[in-house]
């Protein structure tokens, strides 16, 4: 972020953090990505809950697109993965 880029590509790396540190990283990312176009590869779906647009990719194909709320309303891969991820929390 040293050069103040307009576009950021990020492979989110919170998969092995505890909840407290994950929250701190997400808060810092929220500030760092504010006002920028960002492409985030998410391992924990909580990382992208506030995204303006989520693309769900399965086997190299976009299978769903929308906000967290719209994707949770419809049965599909995103909702299935989200529910699976948080049922194990």
PDB file of N, CA and C in Angstrom:
ATOM      1  N   UNK A   1       0.811  -1.192   0.000  1.00  0.00           N
ATOM      2  CA  UNK A   1       0.000   0.000   0.000  1.00  0.00           C
ATOM      3  C   UNK A   1       0.858   1.262   0.000  1.00  0.00           C
ATOM      4  N   UNK A   2       2.133   1.093  -0.170  1.00  0.00           N
ATOM      5  CA  UNK A   2       3.040   2.233  -0.126  1.00  0.00           C
ATOM      6  C   UNK A   2       2.797   3.233  -1.245  1.00  0.00           C
ATOM      7  N   UNK A   3       2.370   2.753  -2.415  1.00  0.00           N
ATOM      8  CA  UNK A   3       2.194   3.643  -3.569  1.00  0.00           C
ATOM      9  C   UNK A   3       0.748   4.078  -3.756  1.00  0.00           C
ATOM     10  N   UNK A   4      -0.116   3.798  -2.784  1.00  0.00           N
ATOM     11  CA  UNK A   4      -1.518   4.208  -2.834  1.00  0.00           C
ATOM     12  C   UNK A   4      -2.205   3.741  -4.119  1.00  0.00           C
ATOM     13  N   UNK A   5      -2.246   2.414  -4.350  1.00  0.00           N
ATOM     14  CA  UNK A   5      -2.823   1.898  -5.597  1.00  0.00           C
ATOM     15  C   UNK A   5      -4.338   2.078  -5.655  1.00  0.00           C
ATOM     16  N   UNK A   6      -4.850   2.232  -6.855  1.00  0.00           N
ATOM     17  CA  UNK A   6      -6.291   2.327  -7.056  1.00  0.00           C
ATOM     18  C   UNK A   6      -6.960   0.966  -7.072  1.00  0.00           C
ATOM     19  N   UNK A   7      -6.199  -0.066  -7.433  1.00  0.00           N
ATOM     20  CA  UNK A   7      -6.702  -1.440  -7.479  1.00  0.00           C
ATOM     21  C   UNK A   7      -5.790  -2.315  -6.629  1.00  0.00           C
ATOM     22  N   UNK A   8      -6.402  -3.156  -5.788  1.00  0.00           N
ATOM     23  CA  UNK A   8      -5.641  -4.053  -4.917  1.00  0.00           C
ATOM     24  C   UNK A   8      -6.132  -5.477  -5.157  1.00  0.00           C
ATOM     25  N   UNK A   9      -5.208  -6.406  -5.354  1.00  0.00           N
ATOM     26  CA  UNK A   9      -5.535  -7.833  -5.454  1.00  0.00           C
ATOM     27  C   UNK A   9      -4.959  -8.496  -4.218  1.00  0.00           C
ATOM     28  N   UNK A  10      -5.813  -9.209  -3.488  1.00  0.00           N
ATOM     29  CA  UNK A  10      -5.420  -9.727  -2.184  1.00  0.00           C
ATOM     30  C   UNK A  10      -5.866 -11.174  -2.025  1.00  0.00           C
ATOM     31  N   UNK A  11      -4.938 -12.037  -1.678  1.00  0.00           N
ATOM     32  CA  UNK A  11      -5.280 -13.402  -1.289  1.00  0.00           C
ATOM     33  C   UNK A  11      -5.373 -13.373   0.229  1.00  0.00           C
ATOM     34  N   UNK A  12      -6.583 -13.243   0.723  1.00  0.00           N
ATOM     35  CA  UNK A  12      -6.853 -13.070   2.154  1.00  0.00           C
ATOM     36  C   UNK A  12      -6.245 -14.228   2.935  1.00  0.00           C
ATOM     37  N   UNK A  13      -5.525 -13.889   3.963  1.00  0.00           N
ATOM     38  CA  UNK A  13      -4.750 -14.907   4.685  1.00  0.00           C
ATOM     39  C   UNK A  13      -5.161 -15.030   6.144  1.00  0.00           C
ATOM     40  N   UNK A  14      -6.455 -15.023   6.413  1.00  0.00           N
ATOM     41  CA  UNK A  14      -6.891 -15.136   7.809  1.00  0.00           C
ATOM     42  C   UNK A  14      -7.324 -16.552   8.167  1.00  0.00           C
ATOM     43  N   UNK A  15      -7.144 -17.498   7.278  1.00  0.00           N
ATOM     44  CA  UNK A  15      -7.654 -18.854   7.495  1.00  0.00           C
ATOM     45  C   UNK A  15      -7.125 -19.507   8.768  1.00  0.00           C
ATOM     46  N   UNK A  16      -5.918 -19.146   9.189  1.00  0.00           N
ATOM     47  CA  UNK A  16      -5.338 -19.801  10.363  1.00  0.00           C
ATOM     48  C   UNK A  16      -5.222 -18.876  11.570  1.00  0.00           C
ATOM     49  N   UNK A  17      -5.968 -17.770  11.558  1.00  0.00           N
ATOM     50  CA  UNK A  17      -5.937 -16.846  12.686  1.00  0.00           C
ATOM     51  C   UNK A  17      -7.059 -17.167  13.666  1.00  0.00           C
ATOM     52  N   UNK A  18      -6.828 -16.835  14.935  1.00  0.00           N
ATOM     53  CA  UNK A  18      -7.908 -16.950  15.907  1.00  0.00           C
ATOM     54  C   UNK A  18      -8.876 -15.787  15.677  1.00  0.00           C
ATOM     55  N   UNK A  19     -10.039 -15.833  16.300  1.00  0.00           N
ATOM     56  CA  UNK A  19     -11.092 -14.848  16.053  1.00  0.00           C
ATOM     57  C   UNK A  19     -10.664 -13.422  16.366  1.00  0.00           C
ATOM     58  N   UNK A  20      -9.933 -13.239  17.452  1.00  0.00           N
ATOM     59  CA  UNK A  20      -9.506 -11.892  17.851  1.00  0.00           C
ATOM     60  C   UNK A  20      -8.561 -11.275  16.819  1.00  0.00           C
ATOM     61  N   UNK A  21      -7.560 -12.046  16.401  1.00  0.00           N
ATOM     62  CA  UNK A  21      -6.614 -11.534  15.410  1.00  0.00           C
ATOM     63  C   UNK A  21      -7.262 -11.382  14.037  1.00  0.00           C
ATOM     64  N   UNK A  22      -8.185 -12.275  13.698  1.00  0.00           N
ATOM     65  CA  UNK A  22      -8.904 -12.148  12.432  1.00  0.00           C
ATOM     66  C   UNK A  22      -9.675 -10.830  12.392  1.00  0.00           C
ATOM     67  N   UNK A  23     -10.337 -10.490  13.496  1.00  0.00           N
ATOM     68  CA  UNK A  23     -11.091  -9.233  13.556  1.00  0.00           C
ATOM     69  C   UNK A  23     -10.170  -8.033  13.389  1.00  0.00           C
ATOM     70  N   UNK A  24      -8.994  -8.080  14.006  1.00  0.00           N
ATOM     71  CA  UNK A  24      -8.031  -6.979  13.883  1.00  0.00           C
ATOM     72  C   UNK A  24      -7.547  -6.836  12.441  1.00  0.00           C
ATOM     73  N   UNK A  25      -7.262  -7.959  11.790  1.00  0.00           N
ATOM     74  CA  UNK A  25      -6.809  -7.927  10.395  1.00  0.00           C
ATOM     75  C   UNK A  25      -7.927  -7.399   9.495  1.00  0.00           C
ATOM     76  N   UNK A  26      -9.158  -7.852   9.714  1.00  0.00           N
ATOM     77  CA  UNK A  26     -10.276  -7.397   8.889  1.00  0.00           C
ATOM     78  C   UNK A  26     -10.515  -5.899   9.058  1.00  0.00           C
ATOM     79  N   UNK A  27     -10.371  -5.406  10.272  1.00  0.00           N
ATOM     80  CA  UNK A  27     -10.539  -3.975  10.519  1.00  0.00           C
ATOM     81  C   UNK A  27      -9.462  -3.175   9.780  1.00  0.00           C
ATOM     82  N   UNK A  28      -8.229  -3.633   9.851  1.00  0.00           N
ATOM     83  CA  UNK A  28      -7.127  -2.953   9.156  1.00  0.00           C
ATOM     84  C   UNK A  28      -7.327  -3.012   7.642  1.00  0.00           C
ATOM     85  N   UNK A  29      -7.777  -4.155   7.130  1.00  0.00           N
ATOM     86  CA  UNK A  29      -8.033  -4.280   5.691  1.00  0.00           C
ATOM     87  C   UNK A  29      -9.157  -3.351   5.251  1.00  0.00           C
ATOM     88  N   UNK A  30     -10.178  -3.235   6.076  1.00  0.00           N
ATOM     89  CA  UNK A  30     -11.283  -2.338   5.758  1.00  0.00           C
ATOM     90  C   UNK A  30     -10.800  -0.916   5.550  1.00  0.00           C
ATOM     91  N   UNK A  31      -9.910  -0.472   6.420  1.00  0.00           N
ATOM     92  CA  UNK A  31      -9.345   0.878   6.285  1.00  0.00           C
ATOM     93  C   UNK A  31      -8.441   0.965   5.054  1.00  0.00           C
ATOM     94  N   UNK A  32      -7.599  -0.038   4.855  1.00  0.00           N
ATOM     95  CA  UNK A  32      -6.622  -0.008   3.759  1.00  0.00           C
ATOM     96  C   UNK A  32      -7.292  -0.090   2.389  1.00  0.00           C
ATOM     97  N   UNK A  33      -8.407  -0.808   2.295  1.00  0.00           N
ATOM     98  CA  UNK A  33      -9.063  -1.003   1.004  1.00  0.00           C
ATOM     99  C   UNK A  33     -10.142   0.037   0.716  1.00  0.00           C
ATOM    100  N   UNK A  34     -10.445   0.870   1.685  1.00  0.00           N
ATOM    101  CA  UNK A  34     -11.477   1.884   1.514  1.00  0.00           C
ATOM    102  C   UNK A  34     -11.159   2.800   0.334  1.00  0.00           C
ATOM    103  N   UNK A  35     -12.134   2.971  -0.552  1.00  0.00           N
ATOM    104  CA  UNK A  35     -11.959   3.847  -1.699  1.00  0.00           C
ATOM    105  C   UNK A  35     -11.180   3.241  -2.849  1.00  0.00           C
ATOM    106  N   UNK A  36     -10.884   1.956  -2.754  1.00  0.00           N
ATOM    107  CA  UNK A  36     -10.129   1.283  -3.812  1.00  0.00           C
ATOM    108  C   UNK A  36     -10.959   0.138  -4.388  1.00  0.00           C
ATOM    109  N   UNK A  37     -10.700  -0.167  -5.632  1.00  0.00           N
ATOM    110  CA  UNK A  37     -11.241  -1.392  -6.206  1.00  0.00           C
ATOM    111  C   UNK A  37     -10.375  -2.522  -5.683  1.00  0.00           C
ATOM    112  N   UNK A  38     -11.006  -3.545  -5.110  1.00  0.00           N
ATOM    113  CA  UNK A  38     -10.214  -4.647  -4.575  1.00  0.00           C
ATOM    114  C   UNK A  38     -10.796  -5.978  -5.018  1.00  0.00           C
ATOM    115  N   UNK A  39      -9.894  -6.873  -5.355  1.00  0.00           N
ATOM    116  CA  UNK A  39     -10.240  -8.250  -5.687  1.00  0.00           C
ATOM    117  C   UNK A  39      -9.654  -9.088  -4.562  1.00  0.00           C
ATOM    118  N   UNK A  40     -10.534  -9.778  -3.834  1.00  0.00           N
ATOM    119  CA  UNK A  40     -10.101 -10.530  -2.656  1.00  0.00           C
ATOM    120  C   UNK A  40     -10.450 -11.995  -2.848  1.00  0.00           C
ATOM    121  N   UNK A  41      -9.447 -12.861  -2.751  1.00  0.00           N
ATOM    122  CA  UNK A  41      -9.690 -14.298  -2.734  1.00  0.00           C
ATOM    123  C   UNK A  41      -9.913 -14.636  -1.267  1.00  0.00           C
ATOM    124  N   UNK A  42     -11.127 -15.057  -0.935  1.00  0.00           N
ATOM    125  CA  UNK A  42     -11.493 -15.230   0.472  1.00  0.00           C
ATOM    126  C   UNK A  42     -11.513 -16.696   0.863  1.00  0.00           C
ATOM    127  N   UNK A  43     -10.877 -16.996   1.972  1.00  0.00           N
ATOM    128  CA  UNK A  43     -10.916 -18.330   2.557  1.00  0.00           C
ATOM    129  C   UNK A  43     -11.981 -18.378   3.649  1.00  0.00           C
ATOM    130  N   UNK A  44     -12.137 -17.271   4.335  1.00  0.00           N
ATOM    131  CA  UNK A  44     -13.221 -17.127   5.312  1.00  0.00           C
ATOM    132  C   UNK A  44     -14.214 -16.144   4.722  1.00  0.00           C
ATOM    133  N   UNK A  45     -15.439 -16.582   4.575  1.00  0.00           N
ATOM    134  CA  UNK A  45     -16.432 -15.744   3.911  1.00  0.00           C
ATOM    135  C   UNK A  45     -16.791 -14.507   4.720  1.00  0.00           C
ATOM    136  N   UNK A  46     -16.508 -14.503   6.014  1.00  0.00           N
ATOM    137  CA  UNK A  46     -16.751 -13.302   6.815  1.00  0.00           C
ATOM    138  C   UNK A  46     -15.911 -12.136   6.315  1.00  0.00           C
ATOM    139  N   UNK A  47     -14.801 -12.429   5.668  1.00  0.00           N
ATOM    140  CA  UNK A  47     -13.914 -11.394   5.134  1.00  0.00           C
ATOM    141  C   UNK A  47     -14.609 -10.552   4.068  1.00  0.00           C
ATOM    142  N   UNK A  48     -15.533 -11.144   3.323  1.00  0.00           N
ATOM    143  CA  UNK A  48     -16.141 -10.437   2.191  1.00  0.00           C
ATOM    144  C   UNK A  48     -17.607 -10.084   2.408  1.00  0.00           C
ATOM    145  N   UNK A  49     -18.105 -10.247   3.616  1.00  0.00           N
ATOM    146  CA  UNK A  49     -19.523  -9.948   3.901  1.00  0.00           C
ATOM    147  C   UNK A  49     -19.953  -8.566   3.439  1.00  0.00           C
ATOM    148  N   UNK A  50     -19.092  -7.588   3.594  1.00  0.00           N
ATOM    149  CA  UNK A  50     -19.444  -6.199   3.276  1.00  0.00           C
ATOM    150  C   UNK A  50     -19.106  -5.801   1.842  1.00  0.00           C
ATOM    151  N   UNK A  51     -18.651  -6.733   1.042  1.00  0.00           N
ATOM    152  CA  UNK A  51     -18.272  -6.417  -0.343  1.00  0.00           C
ATOM    153  C   UNK A  51     -19.485  -5.936  -1.136  1.00  0.00           C
ATOM    154  N   UNK A  52     -19.247  -5.009  -2.052  1.00  0.00           N
ATOM    155  CA  UNK A  52     -20.324  -4.517  -2.911  1.00  0.00           C
ATOM    156  C   UNK A  52     -20.755  -5.571  -3.922  1.00  0.00           C
ATOM    157  N   UNK A  53     -19.832  -6.429  -4.309  1.00  0.00           N
ATOM    158  CA  UNK A  53     -20.117  -7.461  -5.307  1.00  0.00           C
ATOM    159  C   UNK A  53     -19.269  -8.693  -4.989  1.00  0.00           C
ATOM    160  N   UNK A  54     -19.909  -9.841  -4.884  1.00  0.00           N
ATOM    161  CA  UNK A  54     -19.221 -11.106  -4.626  1.00  0.00           C
ATOM    162  C   UNK A  54     -19.430 -11.997  -5.845  1.00  0.00           C
ATOM    163  N   UNK A  55     -18.340 -12.547  -6.354  1.00  0.00           N
ATOM    164  CA  UNK A  55     -18.419 -13.523  -7.437  1.00  0.00           C
ATOM    165  C   UNK A  55     -18.089 -14.882  -6.843  1.00  0.00           C
ATOM    166  N   UNK A  56     -18.958 -15.848  -7.036  1.00  0.00           N
ATOM    167  CA  UNK A  56     -18.740 -17.202  -6.548  1.00  0.00           C
ATOM    168  C   UNK A  56     -18.231 -18.022  -7.728  1.00  0.00           C
ATOM    169  N   UNK A  57     -17.033 -18.565  -7.581  1.00  0.00           N
ATOM    170  CA  UNK A  57     -16.407 -19.317  -8.670  1.00  0.00           C
ATOM    171  C   UNK A  57     -16.292 -20.780  -8.261  1.00  0.00           C
ATOM    172  N   UNK A  58     -16.753 -21.661  -9.125  1.00  0.00           N
ATOM    173  CA  UNK A  58     -16.682 -23.102  -8.887  1.00  0.00           C
ATOM    174  C   UNK A  58     -16.129 -23.750 -10.154  1.00  0.00           C
ATOM    175  N   UNK A  59     -15.042 -24.480 -10.015  1.00  0.00           N
ATOM    176  CA  UNK A  59     -14.391 -25.127 -11.162  1.00  0.00           C
ATOM    177  C   UNK A  59     -14.110 -24.145 -12.303  1.00  0.00           C
ATOM    178  N   UNK A  60     -13.651 -22.950 -11.942  1.00  0.00           N
ATOM    179  CA  UNK A  60     -13.272 -21.962 -12.940  1.00  0.00           C
ATOM    180  C   UNK A  60     -14.418 -21.195 -13.581  1.00  0.00           C
ATOM    181  N   UNK A  61     -15.641 -21.436 -13.156  1.00  0.00           N
ATOM    182  CA  UNK A  61     -16.815 -20.768 -13.724  1.00  0.00           C
ATOM    183  C   UNK A  61     -17.492 -19.915 -12.660  1.00  0.00           C
ATOM    184  N   UNK A  62     -17.966 -18.733 -13.046  1.00  0.00           N
ATOM    185  CA  UNK A  62     -18.758 -17.909 -12.134  1.00  0.00           C
ATOM    186  C   UNK A  62     -20.142 -18.538 -12.056  1.00  0.00           C
ATOM    187  N   UNK A  63     -20.517 -18.989 -10.842  1.00  0.00           N
ATOM    188  CA  UNK A  63     -21.799 -19.669 -10.667  1.00  0.00           C
ATOM    189  C   UNK A  63     -22.825 -18.794  -9.957  1.00  0.00           C
ATOM    190  N   UNK A  64     -22.378 -17.701  -9.346  1.00  0.00           N
ATOM    191  CA  UNK A  64     -23.299 -16.780  -8.678  1.00  0.00           C
ATOM    192  C   UNK A  64     -22.603 -15.436  -8.515  1.00  0.00           C
ATOM    193  N   UNK A  65     -23.445 -14.405  -8.387  1.00  0.00           N
ATOM    194  CA  UNK A  65     -22.921 -13.042  -8.253  1.00  0.00           C
ATOM    195  C   UNK A  65     -23.937 -12.220  -7.475  1.00  0.00           C
ATOM    196  N   UNK A  66     -23.447 -11.397  -6.549  1.00  0.00           N
ATOM    197  CA  UNK A  66     -24.347 -10.526  -5.802  1.00  0.00           C
ATOM    198  C   UNK A  66     -23.711 -10.055  -4.512  1.00  0.00           C
ATOM    199  N   UNK A  67     -24.525  -9.463  -3.661  1.00  0.00           N
ATOM    200  CA  UNK A  67     -24.068  -9.072  -2.327  1.00  0.00           C
ATOM    201  C   UNK A  67     -24.220 -10.275  -1.404  1.00  0.00           C
ATOM    202  N   UNK A  68     -23.661 -10.165  -0.221  1.00  0.00           N
ATOM    203  CA  UNK A  68     -23.814 -11.246   0.761  1.00  0.00           C
ATOM    204  C   UNK A  68     -25.299 -11.520   1.005  1.00  0.00           C
ATOM    205  N   UNK A  69     -26.072 -10.457   1.247  1.00  0.00           N
ATOM    206  CA  UNK A  69     -27.493 -10.640   1.551  1.00  0.00           C
ATOM    207  C   UNK A  69     -28.247 -11.301   0.403  1.00  0.00           C
ATOM    208  N   UNK A  70     -27.987 -10.871  -0.826  1.00  0.00           N
ATOM    209  CA  UNK A  70     -28.709 -11.469  -1.957  1.00  0.00           C
ATOM    210  C   UNK A  70     -28.297 -12.922  -2.172  1.00  0.00           C
ATOM    211  N   UNK A  71     -27.025 -13.224  -1.976  1.00  0.00           N
ATOM    212  CA  UNK A  71     -26.562 -14.606  -2.149  1.00  0.00           C
ATOM    213  C   UNK A  71     -27.084 -15.518  -1.042  1.00  0.00           C
ATOM    214  N   UNK A  72     -27.310 -14.976   0.150  1.00  0.00           N
ATOM    215  CA  UNK A  72     -27.840 -15.784   1.249  1.00  0.00           C
ATOM    216  C   UNK A  72     -29.329 -16.069   1.080  1.00  0.00           C
ATOM    217  N   UNK A  73     -30.034 -15.257   0.300  1.00  0.00           N
ATOM    218  CA  UNK A  73     -31.474 -15.467   0.091  1.00  0.00           C
ATOM    219  C   UNK A  73     -31.754 -16.649  -0.827  1.00  0.00           C
ATOM    220  N   UNK A  74     -30.825 -16.948  -1.710  1.00  0.00           N
ATOM    221  CA  UNK A  74     -31.031 -18.012  -2.686  1.00  0.00           C
ATOM    222  C   UNK A  74     -30.233 -19.255  -2.312  1.00  0.00           C
ATOM    223  N   UNK A  75     -30.845 -20.444  -2.499  1.00  0.00           N
ATOM    224  CA  UNK A  75     -30.048 -21.647  -2.285  1.00  0.00           C
ATOM    225  C   UNK A  75     -28.948 -21.692  -3.342  1.00  0.00           C
ATOM    226  N   UNK A  76     -27.796 -22.081  -2.946  1.00  0.00           N
ATOM    227  CA  UNK A  76     -26.690 -22.135  -3.899  1.00  0.00           C
ATOM    228  C   UNK A  76     -25.387 -22.355  -3.169  1.00  0.00           C
ATOM    229  N   UNK A  77     -24.317 -22.361  -3.913  1.00  0.00           N
ATOM    230  CA  UNK A  77     -23.004 -22.685  -3.367  1.00  0.00           C
ATOM    231  C   UNK A  77     -22.564 -21.710  -2.285  1.00  0.00           C
ATOM    232  N   UNK A  78     -22.758 -20.404  -2.488  1.00  0.00           N
ATOM    233  CA  UNK A  78     -22.321 -19.422  -1.491  1.00  0.00           C
ATOM    234  C   UNK A  78     -23.005 -19.677  -0.149  1.00  0.00           C
ATOM    235  N   UNK A  79     -24.324 -19.785  -0.171  1.00  0.00           N
ATOM    236  CA  UNK A  79     -25.059 -20.007   1.082  1.00  0.00           C
ATOM    237  C   UNK A  79     -24.648 -21.327   1.722  1.00  0.00           C
ATOM    238  N   UNK A  80     -24.493 -22.346   0.902  1.00  0.00           N
ATOM    239  CA  UNK A  80     -24.076 -23.661   1.411  1.00  0.00           C
ATOM    240  C   UNK A  80     -22.717 -23.563   2.111  1.00  0.00           C
ATOM    241  N   UNK A  81     -21.756 -22.908   1.472  1.00  0.00           N
ATOM    242  CA  UNK A  81     -20.422 -22.768   2.064  1.00  0.00           C
ATOM    243  C   UNK A  81     -20.448 -21.889   3.304  1.00  0.00           C
ATOM    244  N   UNK A  82     -21.220 -20.810   3.264  1.00  0.00           N
ATOM    245  CA  UNK A  82     -21.312 -19.902   4.409  1.00  0.00           C
ATOM    246  C   UNK A  82     -21.893 -20.636   5.618  1.00  0.00           C
ATOM    247  N   UNK A  83     -22.994 -21.348   5.398  1.00  0.00           N
ATOM    248  CA  UNK A  83     -23.625 -22.087   6.492  1.00  0.00           C
ATOM    249  C   UNK A  83     -22.708 -23.182   7.013  1.00  0.00           C
ATOM    250  N   UNK A  84     -22.013 -23.865   6.129  1.00  0.00           N
ATOM    251  CA  UNK A  84     -21.073 -24.902   6.536  1.00  0.00           C
ATOM    252  C   UNK A  84     -19.938 -24.306   7.365  1.00  0.00           C
ATOM    253  N   UNK A  85     -19.415 -23.179   6.915  1.00  0.00           N
ATOM    254  CA  UNK A  85     -18.300 -22.541   7.606  1.00  0.00           C
ATOM    255  C   UNK A  85     -18.698 -22.091   9.007  1.00  0.00           C
ATOM    256  N   UNK A  86     -19.904 -21.558   9.158  1.00  0.00           N
ATOM    257  CA  UNK A  86     -20.293 -21.024  10.453  1.00  0.00           C
ATOM    258  C   UNK A  86     -20.992 -22.035  11.337  1.00  0.00           C
ATOM    259  N   UNK A  87     -21.390 -23.176  10.802  1.00  0.00           N
ATOM    260  CA  UNK A  87     -21.934 -24.232  11.656  1.00  0.00           C
ATOM    261  C   UNK A  87     -20.805 -24.942  12.395  1.00  0.00           C
ATOM    262  N   UNK A  88     -19.574 -24.817  11.872  1.00  0.00           N
ATOM    263  CA  UNK A  88     -18.408 -25.436  12.504  1.00  0.00           C
ATOM    264  C   UNK A  88     -17.680 -24.490  13.442  1.00  0.00           C
ATOM    265  N   UNK A  89     -18.166 -23.257  13.592  1.00  0.00           N
ATOM    266  CA  UNK A  89     -17.483 -22.262  14.434  1.00  0.00           C
ATOM    267  C   UNK A  89     -17.687 -22.549  15.891  1.00  0.00           C
TER     268      UNK A  89
END
